[in-house]
Amino acid sequence: MGHPPLDVDQFFHSLVIPPRQPLTYETTLADGRSEGELYLVNFENQLANSEPDLSLYTSKEPAVKTGSVKFAIEQESSSIERESDLSADVSKARARNQARDKRNARNNDYIYLVMRLSKDAGRTWGEPWEMRDLAGERIQGNHQSVVRTRNGKLGLIYNDHLHFPNGHPTRDGGSGIMYRESEDEGHTWSEPVVVYPHHAMVCAGHAIVLDSGRIIAPAYRWISHDDTGASEGDNHISFSFVLSSDDDGKSWQVSRSELFSYRYGACYSLGEPAIVPLTDGRLLMDLRSIHARRYQSTSTDDGMTWSKAQPVAGIASSSVPAILRRLPTGPLLMIWNQTSRGEILKGLHRARLSCAVSDDDGVTWRNFFNLESLDNESKIAPLPDDWFEVVEQQEDYWYWQPASNATRYVRAPGPLRNCYPDARVVGDEVVIVYDHGWGTLGVSSNGTKLRAIPIDYLTG
C-alpha cells in the first residue's frame, strides 16, 4: 500500500535526475534566452574513497533513548511539550562523524559542472553538456549560480576546486569563490576571476542581478582554530557577507558588514545567505541559523552595509538555506525546511520542505504548504519569539527515519533529504528544483526533483 499523496502532487512534478551515484547536490536554475526556456545547472561529485563503508549511510531508526529532557514552553497561553533525545552510543556516533569529516576533506575524484536546457518550462530536458573553459578543460566546482548579466551574457559565480590560488586545503576542498562568463549560452566559459581572496563559499542559486546591473553574490565563511576537515563540524563559527560587481564580474567589492548572531557576548553562526530586493528599494537577506529559526537583515545601499540580523517571527526552521523569490503578483515566496525543535534533534531536519508567501516584504508569512513531508502538518509551531537556544544534533547528527506512527508520519518511511531549493518564475507558474534523496531512496543517494506550481496556488 502506497503513501498518501501531497496536495501539490496534483501539479506537474518529475525527477529530473533520479537519486543515484555519482552524487548530485545543489542543482540550480537559470533563465534561458526565450520564453519558457530554463537551464538546469548541477555538479557531479564522487568521493575519492571508491569503496566507502555503506553501513555509514544506511537509513536507521531513531537512536534508542538513554535519557530525555522534557520541558514546557508557554506560548500564547498554551503549553508546548518538547523532548530532547540522547544517542544510545555516543562514541560510535562521534567516530562515524569523524570518518565522514575525513572523507569530505579528501580531494574528489571529480566535481564537474554540467548544464542542460528545457524549452518547455521544465517538462522535458535535453542532454546535459559539460561546462568547459576556452582551452576545452572541464570546470571543477560547486555551490554555483548562473545569472543573466546586463550585457546579455551568462555569468557563473561558484567555488572553484582547481584554479583558486592559495586555497585552504581542508576547507571545502581548498576551493574559493571565482567568476566566469559565457558568450555561447553556457557551453564555453572565460578564464576565472578571483572574487574573494580567502576561503569562503557562495550558496547555490543565491546570486542575483539588480536592476542597476550590479551582481550580488551573498557569501559566508567559517573560521576555526582547527586546520583539519573537522573544522566544518562543531568547532567553528560562520559569518555572512556580500560580494558585488558593477562591471559585469571584472572586479569585485566586499561588504563592510559581517553577520552572525550573538547573545550576552557569545557569537553564533549565520550562513548560506539568500537575498531579494524589497519594494522600497532595500535588500532583504535571509540567513541559516542554529537556533531553530531563520534570521533576516536589510541593506539600504545595495548590499554594502547591513543591519543587525534579527530572528524571523512565526517561522520554525532547521539549519538549512532557504530561497527567496519575488512573484510577479507582488508577494515574496520563501521555500525552506520547516522543522520543529524535536524533529531537528531526532534527525528529521531536512525531511519537510515548505513554502509560504509574504505580503509585507518578509515581516509576516501566510499560506503555508509542503512540497515534501512525511506528515500532513503544513504549519509547524515555532519557538517563542523570546526563546534563544542552540538547537542542533551534536553527537548523533544524521538522517533518521521516524518511529512508525500512522497518526503523525503517515508517509514514513520515506525520503529524508529534501533541501537546497531554487526557483524561477515561468509564465503563470513557479518552477522549483531541490535535492531529493536519502532514506528510502537509497544509500547516500541523492537526485534532483522538480515541481511546477501555479502562482495562484502559491499565493492562495
Protein backbone atom coordinates (compact mmCIF):
# COMPACT_ATOMS: atom_id res chain seq x y z
CA MET A 1 0.00 0.00 0.00
CA GLY A 2 1.48 3.35 -1.05
CA HIS A 3 1.73 6.51 1.00
CA PRO A 4 -0.98 9.18 0.60
CA PRO A 5 -0.11 11.92 -1.93
CA LEU A 6 0.62 15.53 -1.04
CA ASP A 7 -1.79 18.17 -2.28
CA VAL A 8 0.91 19.64 -4.58
CA ASP A 9 1.18 16.28 -6.33
CA GLN A 10 -1.78 17.40 -8.45
CA PHE A 11 0.64 19.64 -10.35
CA PHE A 12 3.49 18.64 -12.64
CA HIS A 13 6.47 17.05 -10.90
CA SER A 14 9.32 14.86 -12.03
CA LEU A 15 12.74 13.52 -11.09
CA VAL A 16 15.00 15.39 -13.48
CA ILE A 17 17.96 13.50 -12.03
CA PRO A 18 16.92 10.30 -10.22
CA PRO A 19 18.64 9.62 -6.88
CA ARG A 20 21.92 7.95 -7.79
CA GLN A 21 25.67 7.78 -7.57
CA PRO A 22 27.66 9.82 -8.50
CA LEU A 23 26.03 12.23 -6.11
CA THR A 24 24.15 15.24 -7.46
CA TYR A 25 23.73 18.05 -4.95
CA GLU A 26 22.58 21.68 -5.04
CA THR A 27 21.01 21.86 -8.50
CA THR A 28 20.12 25.38 -9.64
CA LEU A 29 18.04 27.05 -12.34
CA ALA A 30 18.82 29.91 -14.72
CA ASP A 31 16.71 31.77 -17.25
CA GLY A 32 17.16 30.87 -20.91
CA ARG A 33 17.03 33.31 -23.81
CA SER A 34 13.45 32.65 -24.87
CA GLU A 35 10.11 32.36 -23.09
CA GLY A 36 9.75 29.01 -21.37
CA GLU A 37 13.46 28.20 -21.55
CA LEU A 38 15.31 27.16 -18.41
CA TYR A 39 18.82 25.97 -17.72
CA LEU A 40 19.49 23.35 -15.07
CA VAL A 41 22.98 23.53 -13.58
CA ASN A 42 24.49 20.97 -11.22
CA PHE A 43 27.77 19.44 -10.22
CA GLU A 44 28.63 15.76 -10.14
CA ASN A 45 30.76 14.60 -7.28
CA GLN A 46 32.22 11.26 -6.27
CA LEU A 47 34.29 10.94 -3.14
CA ALA A 48 37.86 9.74 -3.51
CA ASN A 49 37.08 6.72 -1.33
CA SER A 50 35.84 4.34 -4.03
CA GLU A 51 34.76 1.70 -1.52
CA PRO A 52 33.02 3.57 1.31
CA ASP A 53 31.56 1.79 4.30
CA LEU A 54 27.97 1.69 3.09
CA SER A 55 26.66 0.93 6.56
CA LEU A 56 27.51 4.51 7.49
CA TYR A 57 24.84 5.69 5.06
CA THR A 58 22.08 3.21 5.86
CA SER A 59 18.80 4.77 6.93
CA LYS A 60 18.21 3.86 10.57
CA GLU A 61 15.50 4.01 13.18
CA PRO A 62 15.81 6.80 15.76
CA ALA A 63 18.50 6.33 18.38
CA VAL A 64 17.48 4.41 21.49
CA LYS A 65 16.81 6.79 24.33
CA THR A 66 19.15 6.67 27.27
CA GLY A 67 17.62 9.76 28.75
CA SER A 68 15.33 12.61 27.87
CA VAL A 69 14.81 16.17 28.90
CA LYS A 70 11.25 17.41 28.82
CA PHE A 71 10.23 20.98 29.35
CA ALA A 72 7.23 23.15 28.71
CA ILE A 73 7.28 26.42 26.79
CA GLU A 74 4.47 28.85 27.36
CA GLN A 75 3.25 30.37 24.10
CA GLU A 76 0.01 32.29 23.71
CA SER A 77 -1.32 30.69 26.91
CA SER A 78 -0.69 27.16 25.65
CA SER A 79 1.95 24.69 26.77
CA ILE A 80 4.10 23.01 24.11
CA GLU A 81 5.86 19.90 25.33
CA ARG A 82 9.17 19.13 23.64
CA GLU A 83 11.71 16.39 24.08
CA SER A 84 15.46 16.07 23.58
CA ASP A 85 16.92 12.59 22.97
CA LEU A 86 20.43 11.31 23.57
CA SER A 87 22.15 8.69 21.41
CA ALA A 88 22.41 5.17 22.80
CA ASP A 89 26.06 5.03 21.82
CA VAL A 90 27.61 8.49 21.62
CA SER A 91 31.11 7.16 20.99
CA LYS A 92 30.01 5.32 17.83
CA ALA A 93 28.23 8.40 16.54
CA ARG A 94 31.32 10.54 17.14
CA ALA A 95 33.54 8.02 15.33
CA ARG A 96 31.14 7.92 12.40
CA ASN A 97 31.12 11.71 12.07
CA GLN A 98 34.90 11.89 12.33
CA ALA A 99 35.15 9.36 9.50
CA ARG A 100 32.73 11.45 7.46
CA ASP A 101 34.82 14.57 8.03
CA LYS A 102 37.97 12.78 6.89
CA ARG A 103 36.25 11.61 3.70
CA ASN A 104 34.88 15.06 2.93
CA ALA A 105 38.32 16.64 3.36
CA ARG A 106 39.87 14.49 0.64
CA ASN A 107 40.21 15.64 -2.93
CA ASN A 108 37.32 14.47 -5.05
CA ASP A 109 37.71 12.12 -7.99
CA TYR A 110 35.65 14.70 -9.86
CA ILE A 111 33.41 17.62 -9.06
CA TYR A 112 32.49 18.93 -12.50
CA LEU A 113 29.77 21.41 -13.52
CA VAL A 114 27.18 20.40 -16.13
CA MET A 115 24.17 22.11 -17.74
CA ARG A 116 21.06 21.09 -19.64
CA LEU A 117 18.26 23.03 -21.35
CA SER A 118 14.49 22.82 -21.19
CA LYS A 119 12.39 24.61 -23.80
CA ASP A 120 9.06 23.83 -22.14
CA ALA A 121 9.37 25.17 -18.58
CA GLY A 122 10.96 22.02 -17.18
CA ARG A 123 8.62 19.39 -18.63
CA THR A 124 11.38 17.86 -20.72
CA TRP A 125 15.16 18.32 -20.80
CA GLY A 126 17.83 17.98 -23.44
CA GLU A 127 21.01 16.00 -22.94
CA PRO A 128 23.42 17.50 -20.40
CA TRP A 129 26.66 19.08 -21.59
CA GLU A 130 29.95 19.57 -19.79
CA MET A 131 30.81 23.16 -18.90
CA ARG A 132 34.32 23.81 -20.28
CA ASP A 133 36.80 26.67 -20.37
CA LEU A 134 38.26 28.18 -23.54
CA ALA A 135 41.05 25.57 -23.54
CA GLY A 136 38.50 22.76 -23.52
CA GLU A 137 39.09 21.71 -19.91
CA ARG A 138 36.13 20.79 -17.72
CA ILE A 139 35.27 23.27 -14.95
CA GLN A 140 35.68 21.81 -11.48
CA GLY A 141 33.44 23.50 -8.95
CA ASN A 142 30.23 23.63 -6.95
CA HIS A 143 27.91 25.99 -4.99
CA GLN A 144 27.12 27.53 -8.39
CA SER A 145 24.81 30.29 -9.56
CA VAL A 146 24.30 31.14 -13.23
CA VAL A 147 22.85 34.62 -13.83
CA ARG A 148 21.96 36.70 -16.89
CA THR A 149 24.05 39.88 -16.76
CA ARG A 150 23.09 43.25 -18.27
CA ASN A 151 25.36 42.62 -21.26
CA GLY A 152 23.26 39.57 -22.15
CA LYS A 153 25.94 37.03 -21.30
CA LEU A 154 25.68 34.29 -18.72
CA GLY A 155 27.71 34.77 -15.55
CA LEU A 156 28.88 31.91 -13.32
CA ILE A 157 29.63 32.54 -9.63
CA TYR A 158 30.89 29.37 -7.94
CA ASN A 159 33.51 27.72 -5.75
CA ASP A 160 36.40 26.66 -7.99
CA HIS A 161 38.22 23.48 -6.96
CA LEU A 162 41.10 23.70 -9.42
CA HIS A 163 42.20 27.28 -10.10
CA PHE A 164 41.64 29.11 -6.81
CA PRO A 165 45.05 30.34 -5.58
CA ASN A 166 46.18 29.57 -2.04
CA GLY A 167 43.04 27.71 -1.08
CA HIS A 168 42.79 26.26 2.42
CA PRO A 169 43.43 22.53 1.87
CA THR A 170 40.86 21.34 4.41
CA ARG A 171 38.13 23.96 3.92
CA ASP A 172 35.68 22.83 1.22
CA GLY A 173 38.43 21.01 -0.64
CA GLY A 174 40.66 24.08 -0.94
CA SER A 175 38.11 25.86 -3.11
CA GLY A 176 37.40 29.57 -3.36
CA ILE A 177 34.87 31.91 -4.98
CA MET A 178 35.51 32.72 -8.65
CA TYR A 179 33.60 34.15 -11.62
CA ARG A 180 33.40 33.31 -15.33
CA GLU A 181 31.21 34.45 -18.21
CA SER A 182 29.89 32.70 -21.30
CA GLU A 183 29.03 34.14 -24.71
CA ASP A 184 27.57 30.91 -26.10
CA GLU A 185 24.87 30.14 -23.54
CA GLY A 186 26.97 28.12 -21.15
CA HIS A 187 28.98 25.80 -23.39
CA THR A 188 32.34 27.54 -23.00
CA TRP A 189 33.44 29.89 -20.26
CA SER A 190 36.10 32.59 -19.86
CA GLU A 191 39.14 32.34 -17.65
CA PRO A 192 38.19 32.64 -13.96
CA VAL A 193 38.34 35.88 -11.97
CA VAL A 194 39.03 35.70 -8.23
CA VAL A 195 36.01 37.15 -6.45
CA TYR A 196 37.29 36.90 -2.87
CA PRO A 197 40.93 36.12 -1.98
CA HIS A 198 40.34 33.96 1.11
CA HIS A 199 38.45 30.77 1.83
CA ALA A 200 34.71 31.43 1.57
CA MET A 201 31.66 29.91 -0.07
CA VAL A 202 28.70 31.06 -2.06
CA CYS A 203 25.39 29.21 -1.90
CA ALA A 204 23.96 27.50 -4.96
CA GLY A 205 21.37 29.63 -6.75
CA HIS A 206 21.63 32.62 -4.41
CA ALA A 207 23.44 35.14 -6.65
CA ILE A 208 21.20 37.79 -8.26
CA VAL A 209 21.48 40.75 -10.64
CA LEU A 210 19.86 44.03 -9.56
CA ASP A 211 18.01 46.32 -11.98
CA SER A 212 21.11 48.54 -11.95
CA GLY A 213 23.18 45.66 -13.34
CA ARG A 214 25.06 45.11 -10.06
CA ILE A 215 25.79 41.43 -9.48
CA ILE A 216 25.14 40.43 -5.86
CA ALA A 217 26.76 37.24 -4.56
CA PRO A 218 25.89 36.53 -0.91
CA ALA A 219 28.68 34.53 0.73
CA TYR A 220 29.84 33.09 4.03
CA ARG A 221 32.97 31.65 5.56
CA TRP A 222 33.82 29.76 8.68
CA ILE A 223 36.75 30.36 11.00
CA SER A 224 38.24 27.87 13.41
CA HIS A 225 41.39 27.00 15.35
CA ASP A 226 41.17 23.58 13.70
CA ASP A 227 43.07 23.26 10.40
CA THR A 228 41.60 19.85 9.56
CA GLY A 229 38.41 18.88 7.74
CA ALA A 230 36.70 18.58 11.12
CA SER A 231 36.57 22.38 11.26
CA GLU A 232 33.36 22.15 9.21
CA GLY A 233 31.76 20.30 12.11
CA ASP A 234 31.08 21.78 15.52
CA ASN A 235 34.26 23.72 16.28
CA HIS A 236 33.82 26.80 14.11
CA ILE A 237 31.76 29.92 13.67
CA SER A 238 30.38 31.08 10.32
CA PHE A 239 29.62 34.65 9.31
CA SER A 240 27.92 36.01 6.21
CA PHE A 241 28.75 38.94 3.93
CA VAL A 242 28.14 40.12 0.37
CA LEU A 243 30.31 40.34 -2.74
CA SER A 244 29.22 42.67 -5.55
CA SER A 245 30.34 43.73 -9.02
CA ASP A 246 29.34 46.79 -11.05
CA ASP A 247 31.36 45.90 -14.16
CA ASP A 248 29.86 42.55 -15.16
CA GLY A 249 32.17 40.47 -12.98
CA LYS A 250 35.54 42.00 -13.91
CA SER A 251 36.15 43.33 -10.39
CA TRP A 252 34.50 42.77 -7.04
CA GLN A 253 33.98 44.62 -3.77
CA VAL A 254 33.30 43.25 -0.29
CA SER A 255 30.54 44.47 2.00
CA ARG A 256 31.51 46.30 5.17
CA SER A 257 29.26 44.18 7.39
CA GLU A 258 29.74 40.65 8.76
CA LEU A 259 26.61 38.93 10.00
CA PHE A 260 26.31 36.46 12.88
CA SER A 261 24.03 36.10 15.87
CA TYR A 262 25.09 36.91 19.39
CA ARG A 263 23.68 36.97 22.90
CA TYR A 264 25.41 38.04 26.11
CA GLY A 265 28.78 38.28 24.38
CA ALA A 266 28.59 34.82 22.80
CA CYS A 267 28.60 34.60 18.98
CA TYR A 268 26.81 32.01 16.83
CA SER A 269 26.89 31.13 13.15
CA LEU A 270 24.72 32.61 10.42
CA GLY A 271 25.42 31.18 6.98
CA GLU A 272 24.26 30.43 3.43
CA PRO A 273 22.56 33.80 2.92
CA ALA A 274 19.90 34.49 0.28
CA ILE A 275 18.92 37.99 -0.95
CA VAL A 276 15.89 39.54 -2.61
CA PRO A 277 15.08 43.20 -3.44
CA LEU A 278 12.22 44.78 -1.49
CA THR A 279 9.54 47.12 -2.83
CA ASP A 280 11.05 50.17 -1.05
CA GLY A 281 14.50 49.70 -2.62
CA ARG A 282 16.15 47.89 0.27
CA LEU A 283 17.63 44.42 0.03
CA LEU A 284 16.47 41.63 2.35
CA MET A 285 18.87 38.88 3.40
CA ASP A 286 17.67 35.55 4.79
CA LEU A 287 20.16 33.55 6.89
CA ARG A 288 20.51 29.98 8.10
CA SER A 289 20.91 29.71 11.88
CA ILE A 290 21.37 27.08 14.58
CA HIS A 291 18.51 28.47 16.69
CA ALA A 292 15.55 26.59 15.11
CA ARG A 293 14.52 29.78 13.31
CA ARG A 294 15.52 31.97 10.39
CA TYR A 295 17.28 35.33 10.64
CA GLN A 296 16.95 38.47 8.49
CA SER A 297 19.00 41.56 7.75
CA THR A 298 18.40 44.52 5.43
CA SER A 299 20.58 46.84 3.38
CA THR A 300 19.78 50.38 2.20
CA ASP A 301 22.88 50.76 -0.03
CA ASP A 302 22.64 47.85 -2.45
CA GLY A 303 24.49 45.42 -0.20
CA MET A 304 27.49 47.36 1.09
CA THR A 305 26.27 47.58 4.71
CA TRP A 306 23.68 45.52 6.57
CA SER A 307 21.56 45.86 9.69
CA LYS A 308 21.98 43.63 12.72
CA ALA A 309 20.48 40.22 11.89
CA GLN A 310 17.22 39.58 13.72
CA PRO A 311 15.18 36.38 14.18
CA VAL A 312 12.11 35.98 11.99
CA ALA A 313 8.91 35.73 13.99
CA GLY A 314 6.47 32.91 13.35
CA ILE A 315 8.79 30.65 11.34
CA ALA A 316 10.15 27.29 12.54
CA SER A 317 13.25 26.15 10.68
CA SER A 318 16.20 23.80 10.77
CA SER A 319 19.75 24.88 9.95
CA VAL A 320 19.45 24.76 6.15
CA PRO A 321 19.40 27.53 3.49
CA ALA A 322 16.17 28.98 2.11
CA ILE A 323 15.42 30.65 -1.21
CA LEU A 324 13.52 33.93 -1.65
CA ARG A 325 11.82 34.98 -4.88
CA ARG A 326 9.54 37.90 -5.82
CA LEU A 327 6.34 36.75 -7.52
CA PRO A 328 5.01 38.87 -10.40
CA THR A 329 1.75 39.40 -8.48
CA GLY A 330 3.67 41.09 -5.65
CA PRO A 331 4.22 38.70 -2.72
CA LEU A 332 7.56 37.24 -1.66
CA LEU A 333 7.91 33.46 -1.87
CA MET A 334 10.08 31.59 0.62
CA ILE A 335 10.99 27.89 0.34
CA TRP A 336 12.74 26.32 3.33
CA ASN A 337 12.93 23.32 5.66
CA GLN A 338 10.17 23.93 8.18
CA THR A 339 11.10 21.83 11.20
CA SER A 340 10.25 21.71 14.88
CA ARG A 341 12.81 21.64 17.65
CA GLY A 342 12.09 17.99 18.38
CA GLU A 343 12.39 17.00 14.71
CA ILE A 344 15.78 18.68 14.46
CA LEU A 345 17.05 16.70 17.43
CA LYS A 346 15.61 13.45 16.08
CA GLY A 347 17.20 13.65 12.62
CA LEU A 348 14.21 14.92 10.62
CA HIS A 349 15.84 18.26 9.91
CA ARG A 350 15.54 18.05 6.10
CA ALA A 351 12.52 15.82 5.58
CA ARG A 352 9.87 18.56 5.30
CA LEU A 353 10.28 21.22 2.59
CA SER A 354 7.73 24.03 2.82
CA CYS A 355 6.54 27.18 1.06
CA ALA A 356 4.94 30.38 2.33
CA VAL A 357 4.32 33.87 0.94
CA SER A 358 4.60 37.34 2.46
CA ASP A 359 2.57 40.42 1.52
CA ASP A 360 4.67 42.80 3.65
CA ASP A 361 8.21 42.14 2.41
CA GLY A 362 9.04 39.31 4.79
CA VAL A 363 7.61 40.60 8.06
CA THR A 364 4.78 38.06 8.25
CA TRP A 365 4.08 34.88 6.28
CA ARG A 366 0.93 33.03 5.21
CA ASN A 367 -0.39 30.19 3.00
CA PHE A 368 1.97 27.54 4.35
CA PHE A 369 2.10 24.24 2.48
CA ASN A 370 4.57 21.43 1.89
CA LEU A 371 6.50 20.34 -1.18
CA GLU A 372 7.71 17.26 0.71
CA SER A 373 6.71 15.93 4.10
CA LEU A 374 6.32 12.66 5.97
CA ASP A 375 3.25 14.06 7.74
CA ASN A 376 0.35 16.40 6.95
CA GLU A 377 1.42 19.30 9.16
CA SER A 378 1.64 22.40 6.96
CA LYS A 379 2.36 24.92 9.75
CA ILE A 380 4.87 23.99 12.44
CA ALA A 381 4.68 25.88 15.72
CA PRO A 382 7.89 27.91 16.16
CA LEU A 383 9.70 28.50 19.39
CA PRO A 384 8.51 31.60 21.28
CA ASP A 385 9.93 34.83 19.94
CA ASP A 386 11.96 35.46 23.10
CA TRP A 387 13.41 31.94 23.25
CA PHE A 388 17.14 31.70 22.42
CA GLU A 389 18.85 28.32 22.20
CA VAL A 390 21.29 26.34 20.09
CA VAL A 391 19.17 23.55 18.58
CA GLU A 392 21.36 21.06 16.74
CA GLN A 393 22.10 17.38 16.62
CA GLN A 394 25.59 17.25 18.03
CA GLU A 395 26.97 13.78 18.74
CA ASP A 396 24.28 11.99 16.73
CA TYR A 397 23.98 14.06 13.54
CA TRP A 398 22.41 12.03 10.73
CA TYR A 399 19.20 11.41 8.80
CA TRP A 400 16.86 9.20 10.83
CA GLN A 401 13.53 7.63 9.93
CA PRO A 402 10.78 8.39 12.47
CA ALA A 403 9.38 5.57 14.50
CA SER A 404 6.31 4.01 12.90
CA ASN A 405 3.41 6.31 13.72
CA ALA A 406 0.44 6.15 11.37
CA THR A 407 -1.27 9.01 13.19
CA ARG A 408 1.51 11.56 12.56
CA TYR A 409 4.11 10.45 9.99
CA VAL A 410 1.76 8.81 7.51
CA ARG A 411 4.37 8.81 4.70
CA ALA A 412 7.14 7.17 6.74
CA PRO A 413 9.44 5.61 5.94
CA GLY A 414 10.35 7.96 3.12
CA PRO A 415 12.98 10.29 1.66
CA LEU A 416 14.84 12.22 4.34
CA ARG A 417 16.87 14.83 2.45
CA ASN A 418 14.70 17.42 0.66
CA CYS A 419 16.59 20.69 0.71
CA TYR A 420 18.66 23.35 -1.11
CA PRO A 421 15.77 24.66 -3.26
CA ASP A 422 15.95 27.03 -6.22
CA ALA A 423 13.05 28.58 -8.13
CA ARG A 424 12.24 30.59 -11.26
CA VAL A 425 9.02 32.22 -12.40
CA VAL A 426 7.97 30.97 -15.85
CA GLY A 427 4.71 32.40 -17.13
CA ASP A 428 1.94 31.84 -14.59
CA GLU A 429 3.81 29.26 -12.51
CA VAL A 430 6.94 28.83 -10.43
CA VAL A 431 9.36 26.05 -11.34
CA ILE A 432 11.12 24.69 -8.25
CA VAL A 433 14.03 22.25 -8.02
CA TYR A 434 15.58 20.76 -4.90
CA ASP A 435 17.75 17.95 -3.59
CA HIS A 436 15.74 14.76 -3.11
CA GLY A 437 17.19 11.59 -1.66
CA TRP A 438 18.50 9.51 1.21
CA GLY A 439 16.16 7.48 3.38
CA THR A 440 14.14 5.05 1.27
CA LEU A 441 15.64 6.40 -1.96
CA GLY A 442 18.99 4.76 -1.42
CA VAL A 443 22.27 4.60 0.43
CA SER A 444 23.93 8.03 0.24
CA SER A 445 21.83 8.59 -2.88
CA ASN A 446 20.63 12.00 -3.98
CA GLY A 447 18.93 13.42 -7.06
CA THR A 448 17.01 16.47 -8.27
CA LYS A 449 13.25 16.80 -8.07
CA LEU A 450 11.25 19.42 -9.97
CA ARG A 451 7.81 20.83 -9.32
CA ALA A 452 5.89 23.40 -11.40
CA ILE A 453 3.24 25.11 -9.26
CA PRO A 454 0.73 27.77 -10.36
CA ILE A 455 1.32 31.20 -8.84
CA ASP A 456 -2.36 31.38 -7.82
CA TYR A 457 -1.90 28.23 -5.73
CA LEU A 458 1.24 29.64 -4.08
CA THR A 459 -0.46 32.88 -3.11
CA GLY A 460 -3.77 31.32 -2.06
